[in-house]
C-alpha atoms as a PDB file:
ATOM      1  CA  UNK A   1     -19.388   5.891   7.949  1.00  0.00           C
ATOM      2  CA  UNK A   2     -18.259   3.751  10.863  1.00  0.00           C
ATOM      3  CA  UNK A   3     -17.619  -0.303   9.966  1.00  0.00           C
ATOM      4  CA  UNK A   4     -20.912  -1.210  10.880  1.00  0.00           C
ATOM      5  CA  UNK A   5     -22.116   1.126   7.558  1.00  0.00           C
ATOM      6  CA  UNK A   6     -20.188  -2.416   5.444  1.00  0.00           C
ATOM      7  CA  UNK A   7     -22.673  -4.216   7.279  1.00  0.00           C
ATOM      8  CA  UNK A   8     -25.689  -2.952   6.601  1.00  0.00           C
ATOM      9  CA  UNK A   9     -28.951  -5.239   5.048  1.00  0.00           C
ATOM     10  CA  UNK A  10     -26.670  -8.069   3.644  1.00  0.00           C
ATOM     11  CA  UNK A  11     -24.674 -10.967   5.651  1.00  0.00           C
ATOM     12  CA  UNK A  12     -20.789 -10.279   5.373  1.00  0.00           C
ATOM     13  CA  UNK A  13     -19.339 -13.766   5.386  1.00  0.00           C
ATOM     14  CA  UNK A  14     -18.597 -14.664   2.304  1.00  0.00           C
ATOM     15  CA  UNK A  15     -17.053 -13.024  -1.293  1.00  0.00           C
ATOM     16  CA  UNK A  16     -20.621 -12.478  -2.563  1.00  0.00           C
ATOM     17  CA  UNK A  17     -21.809 -10.605   0.992  1.00  0.00           C
ATOM     18  CA  UNK A  18     -18.945  -8.381   1.130  1.00  0.00           C
ATOM     19  CA  UNK A  19     -19.262  -7.310  -2.539  1.00  0.00           C
ATOM     20  CA  UNK A  20     -22.557  -6.396  -1.670  1.00  0.00           C
ATOM     21  CA  UNK A  21     -21.827  -4.128   1.031  1.00  0.00           C
ATOM     22  CA  UNK A  22     -19.136  -2.398  -0.550  1.00  0.00           C
ATOM     23  CA  UNK A  23     -21.277  -2.383  -4.089  1.00  0.00           C
ATOM     24  CA  UNK A  24     -23.602  -0.369  -2.358  1.00  0.00           C
ATOM     25  CA  UNK A  25     -21.959   1.860  -0.229  1.00  0.00           C
ATOM     26  CA  UNK A  26     -19.354   2.990  -2.837  1.00  0.00           C
ATOM     27  CA  UNK A  27     -22.203   3.303  -5.948  1.00  0.00           C
ATOM     28  CA  UNK A  28     -20.468   1.364  -7.101  1.00  0.00           C
ATOM     29  CA  UNK A  29     -19.363  -2.131  -8.793  1.00  0.00           C
ATOM     30  CA  UNK A  30     -15.935  -1.786  -9.873  1.00  0.00           C
ATOM     31  CA  UNK A  31     -14.486  -0.161  -7.317  1.00  0.00           C
ATOM     32  CA  UNK A  32     -15.773  -2.612  -4.601  1.00  0.00           C
ATOM     33  CA  UNK A  33     -14.422  -5.567  -6.809  1.00  0.00           C
ATOM     34  CA  UNK A  34     -11.086  -4.061  -6.375  1.00  0.00           C
ATOM     35  CA  UNK A  35     -10.868  -3.792  -3.089  1.00  0.00           C
ATOM     36  CA  UNK A  36     -12.532  -6.978  -2.170  1.00  0.00           C
ATOM     37  CA  UNK A  37     -10.143  -8.914  -4.644  1.00  0.00           C
ATOM     38  CA  UNK A  38      -7.365  -6.862  -2.920  1.00  0.00           C
ATOM     39  CA  UNK A  39      -7.909  -8.161   0.739  1.00  0.00           C
ATOM     40  CA  UNK A  40      -9.223 -11.212  -0.215  1.00  0.00           C
ATOM     41  CA  UNK A  41      -5.723 -12.467  -2.778  1.00  0.00           C
ATOM     42  CA  UNK A  42      -8.395 -13.233  -5.584  1.00  0.00           C
ATOM     43  CA  UNK A  43      -7.551 -11.774  -9.144  1.00  0.00           C
ATOM     44  CA  UNK A  44     -10.758  -9.850  -9.676  1.00  0.00           C
ATOM     45  CA  UNK A  45     -12.435 -11.500 -12.678  1.00  0.00           C
ATOM     46  CA  UNK A  46     -12.136 -15.369 -10.486  1.00  0.00           C
ATOM     47  CA  UNK A  47     -14.019 -13.102  -7.990  1.00  0.00           C
ATOM     48  CA  UNK A  48     -17.616 -14.168  -9.917  1.00  0.00           C
ATOM     49  CA  UNK A  49     -16.808 -17.850  -9.948  1.00  0.00           C
ATOM     50  CA  UNK A  50     -15.826 -17.566  -5.949  1.00  0.00           C
ATOM     51  CA  UNK A  51     -18.864 -16.158  -4.930  1.00  0.00           C
ATOM     52  CA  UNK A  52     -19.334 -18.625  -2.025  1.00  0.00           C
ATOM     53  CA  UNK A  53     -16.402 -18.230  -0.797  1.00  0.00           C
ATOM     54  CA  UNK A  54     -16.344 -17.931   2.994  1.00  0.00           C
ATOM     55  CA  UNK A  55     -14.424 -14.285   3.942  1.00  0.00           C
ATOM     56  CA  UNK A  56     -12.676 -14.632   6.769  1.00  0.00           C
ATOM     57  CA  UNK A  57     -12.435 -11.786  10.395  1.00  0.00           C
ATOM     58  CA  UNK A  58      -9.450 -10.262   8.875  1.00  0.00           C
ATOM     59  CA  UNK A  59     -10.347 -10.365   5.184  1.00  0.00           C
ATOM     60  CA  UNK A  60     -13.727  -8.652   6.966  1.00  0.00           C
ATOM     61  CA  UNK A  61     -11.690  -5.863   8.826  1.00  0.00           C
ATOM     62  CA  UNK A  62      -9.741  -4.765   5.942  1.00  0.00           C
ATOM     63  CA  UNK A  63     -12.308  -4.647   3.040  1.00  0.00           C
ATOM     64  CA  UNK A  64     -14.191  -1.712   5.711  1.00  0.00           C
ATOM     65  CA  UNK A  65     -11.027  -0.384   6.465  1.00  0.00           C
ATOM     66  CA  UNK A  66     -10.504   0.582   2.427  1.00  0.00           C
ATOM     67  CA  UNK A  67     -14.410   0.827   2.170  1.00  0.00           C
ATOM     68  CA  UNK A  68     -14.129   3.226   4.612  1.00  0.00           C
ATOM     69  CA  UNK A  69     -11.209   5.513   3.228  1.00  0.00           C
ATOM     70  CA  UNK A  70     -12.636   5.106  -0.226  1.00  0.00           C
ATOM     71  CA  UNK A  71     -15.956   6.623   0.892  1.00  0.00           C
ATOM     72  CA  UNK A  72     -13.793   9.375   2.671  1.00  0.00           C
ATOM     73  CA  UNK A  73     -12.923  10.507  -1.207  1.00  0.00           C
ATOM     74  CA  UNK A  74      -9.795   8.660  -0.995  1.00  0.00           C
ATOM     75  CA  UNK A  75      -8.034   7.727  -4.349  1.00  0.00           C
ATOM     76  CA  UNK A  76      -8.563   4.534  -5.080  1.00  0.00           C
ATOM     77  CA  UNK A  77      -5.385   4.117  -5.942  1.00  0.00           C
ATOM     78  CA  UNK A  78      -3.651   5.151  -2.213  1.00  0.00           C
ATOM     79  CA  UNK A  79      -6.680   2.636  -0.521  1.00  0.00           C
ATOM     80  CA  UNK A  80      -5.261  -0.430  -2.261  1.00  0.00           C
ATOM     81  CA  UNK A  81      -1.856   1.355  -1.986  1.00  0.00           C
ATOM     82  CA  UNK A  82      -0.545  -1.107  -5.197  1.00  0.00           C
ATOM     83  CA  UNK A  83      -1.511   0.067  -9.294  1.00  0.00           C
ATOM     84  CA  UNK A  84      -1.051  -1.248 -12.151  1.00  0.00           C
ATOM     85  CA  UNK A  85       1.220   0.666 -14.952  1.00  0.00           C
ATOM     86  CA  UNK A  86       2.248  -0.520 -17.888  1.00  0.00           C
ATOM     87  CA  UNK A  87       3.835  -4.380 -17.765  1.00  0.00           C
ATOM     88  CA  UNK A  88       4.861  -2.863 -14.309  1.00  0.00           C
ATOM     89  CA  UNK A  89       2.808  -3.665 -10.689  1.00  0.00           C
ATOM     90  CA  UNK A  90       4.293  -0.541  -8.304  1.00  0.00           C
ATOM     91  CA  UNK A  91       3.329   1.293  -5.115  1.00  0.00           C
ATOM     92  CA  UNK A  92       1.306   4.444  -4.760  1.00  0.00           C
ATOM     93  CA  UNK A  93       1.098   6.522  -1.511  1.00  0.00           C
ATOM     94  CA  UNK A  94       0.206   9.834  -1.580  1.00  0.00           C
ATOM     95  CA  UNK A  95       3.911  10.810  -1.730  1.00  0.00           C
ATOM     96  CA  UNK A  96       3.356  11.069  -5.596  1.00  0.00           C
ATOM     97  CA  UNK A  97       0.623  11.117  -7.918  1.00  0.00           C
ATOM     98  CA  UNK A  98      -1.320   8.123  -9.101  1.00  0.00           C
ATOM     99  CA  UNK A  99      -0.291   7.257 -12.321  1.00  0.00           C
ATOM    100  CA  UNK A 100      -2.969   7.664 -15.181  1.00  0.00           C
ATOM    101  CA  UNK A 101      -3.455   7.149 -18.452  1.00  0.00           C
ATOM    102  CA  UNK A 102      -2.333   9.752 -19.538  1.00  0.00           C
ATOM    103  CA  UNK A 103       1.660   8.961 -19.302  1.00  0.00           C
ATOM    104  CA  UNK A 104       1.691   5.666 -19.786  1.00  0.00           C
ATOM    105  CA  UNK A 105       0.390   7.049 -23.201  1.00  0.00           C
ATOM    106  CA  UNK A 106       4.088   9.659 -22.992  1.00  0.00           C
ATOM    107  CA  UNK A 107       6.290   6.501 -22.061  1.00  0.00           C
ATOM    108  CA  UNK A 108       4.988   4.689 -25.526  1.00  0.00           C
ATOM    109  CA  UNK A 109       5.843   7.891 -26.816  1.00  0.00           C
ATOM    110  CA  UNK A 110       8.986   7.769 -25.564  1.00  0.00           C
ATOM    111  CA  UNK A 111       9.766   4.367 -26.377  1.00  0.00           C
ATOM    112  CA  UNK A 112       9.213   5.295 -29.944  1.00  0.00           C
ATOM    113  CA  UNK A 113      11.843   8.602 -29.996  1.00  0.00           C
ATOM    114  CA  UNK A 114      14.096   6.102 -27.864  1.00  0.00           C
ATOM    115  CA  UNK A 115      13.819   3.308 -31.493  1.00  0.00           C
ATOM    116  CA  UNK A 116      14.691   5.851 -33.461  1.00  0.00           C
ATOM    117  CA  UNK A 117      17.376   7.091 -31.861  1.00  0.00           C
ATOM    118  CA  UNK A 118      19.125   4.402 -30.860  1.00  0.00           C
ATOM    119  CA  UNK A 119      19.641   4.103 -35.549  1.00  0.00           C
ATOM    120  CA  UNK A 120      21.104   7.151 -35.303  1.00  0.00           C
ATOM    121  CA  UNK A 121      20.494   9.869 -37.901  1.00  0.00           C
ATOM    122  CA  UNK A 122      22.806   7.113 -40.584  1.00  0.00           C
ATOM    123  CA  UNK A 123      20.099   3.862 -39.585  1.00  0.00           C
ATOM    124  CA  UNK A 124      23.656   2.457 -38.487  1.00  0.00           C
ATOM    125  CA  UNK A 125      22.799   0.621 -34.471  1.00  0.00           C
ATOM    126  CA  UNK A 126      24.910   1.976 -32.008  1.00  0.00           C
ATOM    127  CA  UNK A 127      26.653   0.549 -29.382  1.00  0.00           C
ATOM    128  CA  UNK A 128      27.297   3.315 -26.344  1.00  0.00           C
ATOM    129  CA  UNK A 129      24.442   3.030 -24.392  1.00  0.00           C
ATOM    130  CA  UNK A 130      21.599   6.138 -24.484  1.00  0.00           C
ATOM    131  CA  UNK A 131      21.783   8.470 -21.834  1.00  0.00           C
ATOM    132  CA  UNK A 132      17.773   8.855 -21.093  1.00  0.00           C
ATOM    133  CA  UNK A 133      16.603  11.664 -18.034  1.00  0.00           C
ATOM    134  CA  UNK A 134      13.252  11.602 -16.751  1.00  0.00           C
ATOM    135  CA  UNK A 135      12.227  14.552 -14.718  1.00  0.00           C
ATOM    136  CA  UNK A 136      10.127  14.792 -11.405  1.00  0.00           C
ATOM    137  CA  UNK A 137      10.572  10.963 -11.201  1.00  0.00           C
ATOM    138  CA  UNK A 138       7.669  10.373  -8.384  1.00  0.00           C
ATOM    139  CA  UNK A 139       6.742   6.755  -8.741  1.00  0.00           C
ATOM    140  CA  UNK A 140       9.073   5.932 -11.439  1.00  0.00           C
ATOM    141  CA  UNK A 141       6.802   4.422 -13.677  1.00  0.00           C
ATOM    142  CA  UNK A 142       8.188   6.465 -16.733  1.00  0.00           C
ATOM    143  CA  UNK A 143      12.204   5.196 -15.709  1.00  0.00           C
ATOM    144  CA  UNK A 144      10.937   1.803 -14.640  1.00  0.00           C
ATOM    145  CA  UNK A 145       9.429   2.015 -17.342  1.00  0.00           C
ATOM    146  CA  UNK A 146      11.334   2.996 -20.417  1.00  0.00           C
ATOM    147  CA  UNK A 147      14.734   0.353 -19.007  1.00  0.00           C
ATOM    148  CA  UNK A 148      12.152  -2.717 -19.033  1.00  0.00           C
ATOM    149  CA  UNK A 149      10.319  -1.317 -22.175  1.00  0.00           C
ATOM    150  CA  UNK A 150      13.903  -0.167 -24.020  1.00  0.00           C
ATOM    151  CA  UNK A 151      14.895  -2.292 -27.371  1.00  0.00           C
ATOM    152  CA  UNK A 152      18.057   0.136 -26.808  1.00  0.00           C
ATOM    153  CA  UNK A 153      20.735  -0.044 -24.285  1.00  0.00           C
ATOM    154  CA  UNK A 154      19.848   2.933 -21.584  1.00  0.00           C
ATOM    155  CA  UNK A 155      21.487   4.017 -19.344  1.00  0.00           C
ATOM    156  CA  UNK A 156      18.120   5.942 -17.263  1.00  0.00           C
ATOM    157  CA  UNK A 157      18.306   8.576 -14.682  1.00  0.00           C
ATOM    158  CA  UNK A 158      15.860   9.419 -12.488  1.00  0.00           C
ATOM    159  CA  UNK A 159      15.262  12.741 -10.050  1.00  0.00           C
ATOM    160  CA  UNK A 160      13.116  14.078  -8.313  1.00  0.00           C
ATOM    161  CA  UNK A 161      13.396  16.993  -5.426  1.00  0.00           C
ATOM    162  CA  UNK A 162      11.295  15.576  -2.974  1.00  0.00           C
ATOM    163  CA  UNK A 163      12.970  12.759  -1.137  1.00  0.00           C
ATOM    164  CA  UNK A 164       9.462  10.472   0.212  1.00  0.00           C
ATOM    165  CA  UNK A 165       8.646  10.533  -3.403  1.00  0.00           C
ATOM    166  CA  UNK A 166      11.794   8.810  -4.277  1.00  0.00           C
ATOM    167  CA  UNK A 167      12.059   6.928  -1.029  1.00  0.00           C
ATOM    168  CA  UNK A 168       8.598   5.870  -3.064  1.00  0.00           C
ATOM    169  CA  UNK A 169      10.405   5.188  -6.208  1.00  0.00           C
ATOM    170  CA  UNK A 170      13.031   3.233  -4.790  1.00  0.00           C
ATOM    171  CA  UNK A 171      10.268   0.924  -4.011  1.00  0.00           C
ATOM    172  CA  UNK A 172       9.147   0.083  -6.759  1.00  0.00           C
ATOM    173  CA  UNK A 173      12.481  -0.043  -8.099  1.00  0.00           C
ATOM    174  CA  UNK A 174      13.755  -2.651  -5.725  1.00  0.00           C
ATOM    175  CA  UNK A 175       9.575  -4.618  -6.728  1.00  0.00           C
ATOM    176  CA  UNK A 176      11.506  -4.466 -10.429  1.00  0.00           C
ATOM    177  CA  UNK A 177      14.842  -6.114  -9.743  1.00  0.00           C
ATOM    178  CA  UNK A 178      13.331  -8.896  -7.736  1.00  0.00           C
ATOM    179  CA  UNK A 179      11.840  -9.665 -11.213  1.00  0.00           C
ATOM    180  CA  UNK A 180      13.138  -8.409 -13.905  1.00  0.00           C
ATOM    181  CA  UNK A 181      17.077  -7.141 -12.626  1.00  0.00           C
ATOM    182  CA  UNK A 182      18.939  -6.718 -15.520  1.00  0.00           C
ATOM    183  CA  UNK A 183      16.308  -3.912 -16.186  1.00  0.00           C
ATOM    184  CA  UNK A 184      16.769  -1.726 -12.771  1.00  0.00           C
ATOM    185  CA  UNK A 185      20.394  -2.501 -12.907  1.00  0.00           C
ATOM    186  CA  UNK A 186      20.089   0.752 -15.926  1.00  0.00           C
ATOM    187  CA  UNK A 187      18.514   2.470 -13.519  1.00  0.00           C
ATOM    188  CA  UNK A 188      20.239   5.046 -11.140  1.00  0.00           C
ATOM    189  CA  UNK A 189      18.131   7.670  -8.297  1.00  0.00           C
ATOM    190  CA  UNK A 190      19.214  10.211  -8.016  1.00  0.00           C
ATOM    191  CA  UNK A 191      17.457  13.078  -4.892  1.00  0.00           C
ATOM    192  CA  UNK A 192      17.716  17.248  -6.789  1.00  0.00           C
ATOM    193  CA  UNK A 193      15.953  20.223  -8.409  1.00  0.00           C
ATOM    194  CA  UNK A 194      15.265  18.847 -12.218  1.00  0.00           C
ATOM    195  CA  UNK A 195      19.269  18.914 -13.924  1.00  0.00           C
ATOM    196  CA  UNK A 196      20.760  20.106 -10.362  1.00  0.00           C
ATOM    197  CA  UNK A 197      20.074  16.149  -9.915  1.00  0.00           C
ATOM    198  CA  UNK A 198      22.090  14.995 -12.587  1.00  0.00           C
ATOM    199  CA  UNK A 199      26.798  14.417 -12.411  1.00  0.00           C
ATOM    200  CA  UNK A 200      28.439  17.830 -14.551  1.00  0.00           C
ATOM    201  CA  UNK A 201      29.677  14.384 -17.170  1.00  0.00           C
ATOM    202  CA  UNK A 202      25.609  13.971 -18.229  1.00  0.00           C
ATOM    203  CA  UNK A 203      26.004  18.139 -19.673  1.00  0.00           C
ATOM    204  CA  UNK A 204      25.418  17.886 -23.508  1.00  0.00           C
ATOM    205  CA  UNK A 205      25.568  14.290 -23.235  1.00  0.00           C
ATOM    206  CA  UNK A 206      21.252  12.688 -22.950  1.00  0.00           C
ATOM    207  CA  UNK A 207      19.445  11.565 -25.578  1.00  0.00           C
ATOM    208  CA  UNK A 208      16.364  11.891 -24.207  1.00  0.00           C
ATOM    209  CA  UNK A 209      15.160  13.584 -21.711  1.00  0.00           C
ATOM    210  CA  UNK A 210      11.673  13.369 -20.615  1.00  0.00           C
ATOM    211  CA  UNK A 211       9.214  14.107 -17.987  1.00  0.00           C
ATOM    212  CA  UNK A 212       5.793  14.790 -16.120  1.00  0.00           C
ATOM    213  CA  UNK A 213       5.951  17.492 -14.613  1.00  0.00           C
ATOM    214  CA  UNK A 214       3.329  20.274 -12.563  1.00  0.00           C
ATOM    215  CA  UNK A 215       1.629  22.028 -14.730  1.00  0.00           C
ATOM    216  CA  UNK A 216      -1.960  22.773 -13.433  1.00  0.00           C
ATOM    217  CA  UNK A 217      -2.318  26.587 -12.898  1.00  0.00           C
ATOM    218  CA  UNK A 218      -3.573  27.865  -9.347  1.00  0.00           C
ATOM    219  CA  UNK A 219      -7.254  28.402 -10.423  1.00  0.00           C
ATOM    220  CA  UNK A 220      -6.705  25.346 -12.003  1.00  0.00           C
ATOM    221  CA  UNK A 221      -6.278  23.675  -8.865  1.00  0.00           C
ATOM    222  CA  UNK A 222      -8.631  25.388  -6.602  1.00  0.00           C
ATOM    223  CA  UNK A 223     -11.069  23.400  -8.619  1.00  0.00           C
ATOM    224  CA  UNK A 224     -10.271  20.109  -9.234  1.00  0.00           C
ATOM    225  CA  UNK A 225     -12.247  17.668  -7.647  1.00  0.00           C
ATOM    226  CA  UNK A 226     -11.202  17.173  -3.879  1.00  0.00           C
ATOM    227  CA  UNK A 227     -10.397  13.376  -5.040  1.00  0.00           C
ATOM    228  CA  UNK A 228      -7.585  15.310  -6.044  1.00  0.00           C
ATOM    229  CA  UNK A 229      -6.847  18.480  -4.454  1.00  0.00           C
ATOM    230  CA  UNK A 230      -7.161  17.136  -0.715  1.00  0.00           C
ATOM    231  CA  UNK A 231      -5.071  13.510  -1.560  1.00  0.00           C
ATOM    232  CA  UNK A 232      -2.790  14.044  -4.017  1.00  0.00           C
ATOM    233  CA  UNK A 233       0.844  16.552  -3.540  1.00  0.00           C
ATOM    234  CA  UNK A 234      -0.112  20.067  -4.968  1.00  0.00           C
ATOM    235  CA  UNK A 235       4.216  20.658  -5.605  1.00  0.00           C
ATOM    236  CA  UNK A 236       3.425  17.931  -8.293  1.00  0.00           C
ATOM    237  CA  UNK A 237       0.514  19.216  -9.529  1.00  0.00           C
ATOM    238  CA  UNK A 238       1.222  22.695  -9.750  1.00  0.00           C
ATOM    239  CA  UNK A 239       4.009  24.661 -10.270  1.00  0.00           C
ATOM    240  CA  UNK A 240       2.721  28.715 -10.098  1.00  0.00           C
ATOM    241  CA  UNK A 241       0.238  30.912 -10.764  1.00  0.00           C
ATOM    242  CA  UNK A 242       0.211  29.773 -14.760  1.00  0.00           C
ATOM    243  CA  UNK A 243       1.228  26.045 -14.664  1.00  0.00           C
ATOM    244  CA  UNK A 244       3.855  26.862 -17.457  1.00  0.00           C
ATOM    245  CA  UNK A 245       6.815  27.439 -15.339  1.00  0.00           C
ATOM    246  CA  UNK A 246       7.659  24.166 -15.353  1.00  0.00           C
ATOM    247  CA  UNK A 247       7.591  23.611 -18.314  1.00  0.00           C
ATOM    248  CA  UNK A 248       8.999  27.161 -19.748  1.00  0.00           C
ATOM    249  CA  UNK A 249      12.268  26.011 -17.198  1.00  0.00           C
ATOM    250  CA  UNK A 250      12.709  22.433 -18.938  1.00  0.00           C
ATOM    251  CA  UNK A 251      11.965  23.777 -22.688  1.00  0.00           C
ATOM    252  CA  UNK A 252      14.707  25.972 -21.566  1.00  0.00           C
ATOM    253  CA  UNK A 253      16.929  23.812 -19.560  1.00  0.00           C
ATOM    254  CA  UNK A 254      17.257  20.714 -21.464  1.00  0.00           C
ATOM    255  CA  UNK A 255      18.373  21.661 -24.009  1.00  0.00           C
ATOM    256  CA  UNK A 256      22.508  22.788 -22.377  1.00  0.00           C
ATOM    257  CA  UNK A 257      21.962  18.675 -21.598  1.00  0.00           C
ATOM    258  CA  UNK A 258      20.916  16.653 -24.570  1.00  0.00           C
ATOM    259  CA  UNK A 259      23.132  15.290 -26.927  1.00  0.00           C
ATOM    260  CA  UNK A 260      23.399  16.230 -30.662  1.00  0.00           C
ATOM    261  CA  UNK A 261      20.139  15.233 -32.009  1.00  0.00           C
ATOM    262  CA  UNK A 262      18.667  14.308 -29.012  1.00  0.00           C
ATOM    263  CA  UNK A 263      14.899  14.547 -28.020  1.00  0.00           C
ATOM    264  CA  UNK A 264      12.682  15.729 -24.767  1.00  0.00           C
ATOM    265  CA  UNK A 265       9.023  14.156 -24.156  1.00  0.00           C
ATOM    266  CA  UNK A 266       6.765  16.166 -21.731  1.00  0.00           C
ATOM    267  CA  UNK A 267       3.229  14.830 -21.226  1.00  0.00           C
ATOM    268  CA  UNK A 268       1.497  18.784 -20.900  1.00  0.00           C
ATOM    269  CA  UNK A 269      -2.670  19.254 -20.672  1.00  0.00           C
ATOM    270  CA  UNK A 270      -3.714  19.468 -24.207  1.00  0.00           C
ATOM    271  CA  UNK A 271      -5.007  23.745 -23.540  1.00  0.00           C
ATOM    272  CA  UNK A 272      -1.248  24.440 -23.704  1.00  0.00           C
ATOM    273  CA  UNK A 273       0.515  22.855 -26.759  1.00  0.00           C
ATOM    274  CA  UNK A 274      -0.177  25.756 -28.312  1.00  0.00           C
ATOM    275  CA  UNK A 275       2.041  27.299 -26.183  1.00  0.00           C
ATOM    276  CA  UNK A 276       4.563  25.291 -25.369  1.00  0.00           C
ATOM    277  CA  UNK A 277       4.997  24.312 -28.718  1.00  0.00           C
ATOM    278  CA  UNK A 278       5.877  27.622 -29.636  1.00  0.00           C
ATOM    279  CA  UNK A 279       8.564  27.835 -26.363  1.00  0.00           C
ATOM    280  CA  UNK A 280      10.712  25.100 -27.654  1.00  0.00           C
ATOM    281  CA  UNK A 281      10.775  26.334 -32.050  1.00  0.00           C
ATOM    282  CA  UNK A 282      11.515  29.225 -30.389  1.00  0.00           C
ATOM    283  CA  UNK A 283      14.499  28.284 -28.720  1.00  0.00           C
ATOM    284  CA  UNK A 284      16.053  26.449 -31.899  1.00  0.00           C
ATOM    285  CA  UNK A 285      14.422  23.198 -31.843  1.00  0.00           C
ATOM    286  CA  UNK A 286      13.018  20.962 -34.087  1.00  0.00           C
ATOM    287  CA  UNK A 287      10.723  18.134 -35.449  1.00  0.00           C
ATOM    288  CA  UNK A 288       8.206  19.759 -32.668  1.00  0.00           C
ATOM    289  CA  UNK A 289       5.291  17.771 -32.895  1.00  0.00           C
ATOM    290  CA  UNK A 290       2.446  16.827 -30.529  1.00  0.00           C
ATOM    291  CA  UNK A 291       1.182  13.808 -29.843  1.00  0.00           C
ATOM    292  CA  UNK A 292      -2.299  12.174 -28.711  1.00  0.00           C
ATOM    293  CA  UNK A 293      -3.669  10.450 -25.383  1.00  0.00           C
ATOM    294  CA  UNK A 294      -5.797   8.148 -25.907  1.00  0.00           C
ATOM    295  CA  UNK A 295      -9.335  10.702 -26.262  1.00  0.00           C
ATOM    296  CA  UNK A 296      -7.557  12.311 -29.636  1.00  0.00           C
ATOM    297  CA  UNK A 297      -5.573  15.233 -26.648  1.00  0.00           C
ATOM    298  CA  UNK A 298      -2.558  17.058 -27.459  1.00  0.00           C
ATOM    299  CA  UNK A 299      -0.563  15.683 -24.159  1.00  0.00           C
ATOM    300  CA  UNK A 300       2.656  15.017 -24.799  1.00  0.00           C
ATOM    301  CA  UNK A 301       5.493  17.554 -26.970  1.00  0.00           C
ATOM    302  CA  UNK A 302       8.775  15.862 -29.280  1.00  0.00           C
ATOM    303  CA  UNK A 303      11.540  17.895 -29.812  1.00  0.00           C
ATOM    304  CA  UNK A 304      14.214  17.274 -31.201  1.00  0.00           C
ATOM    305  CA  UNK A 305      17.683  19.118 -31.028  1.00  0.00           C
ATOM    306  CA  UNK A 306      19.547  19.954 -33.447  1.00  0.00           C
ATOM    307  CA  UNK A 307      22.979  18.007 -34.771  1.00  0.00           C
ATOM    308  CA  UNK A 308      23.344  14.576 -36.267  1.00  0.00           C
END
């Protein structure tokens, strides 16, 4: 495809023309609205009320570029460069995974655990910050959501082995700092593989460990939609042949870092749920349970370490 493809059939000098052209090219009116809204700076919900607004040549050029990228199979989120996740507007690009609704649900589960932990087993309010760790933070959406939404006083550590992913997380932390400096001050980013990035003093004192680790098997990877396989970072999706390698590691190693009564929350694939729950029970966790995503599929493991 080239830029001329977008011009074919209808003038593109107005918002109406741009929407019509992009909708035809992508065979998706919703995606056309996202692209035109981003290029024009007009909220997607307002586009229909400004259809006859003239489109500048710069806007037309920007729409051409984004439409070409999307038609080539690049995820819409990467094309736009920003995306909404719960109460955040974040930068997104191929340095980290596209944020998904399943992970929004995992954040909700983690927040529920934080509410429970903040009152302790006896029901009395705690005064010290709860130490929380987000492992494999990627773009930072889990950690950022926790510091923004937690009702408890928290100190959140977010780790990632990828320096480029952490660059993206830092950009998103800066975004949050501009609007919510108090929340942003609760988050610390650390480079390293899983727990290796954390200061040793946290061992045995972490109240909540949460992670969206890689959990796609090598076979599943080869069968993924090219939109995912050709654009999102493989290392953030595939931990090894079985897809269980990172989950098994985290169930095992988290025991050394949790405080008595602390919790582990892991995102996983529904077909892995029973296996990982059995792992957690064998490892000595209590109150092991599985939480569904919005489609009713088992998506998050929650397990508590004995104590308190």
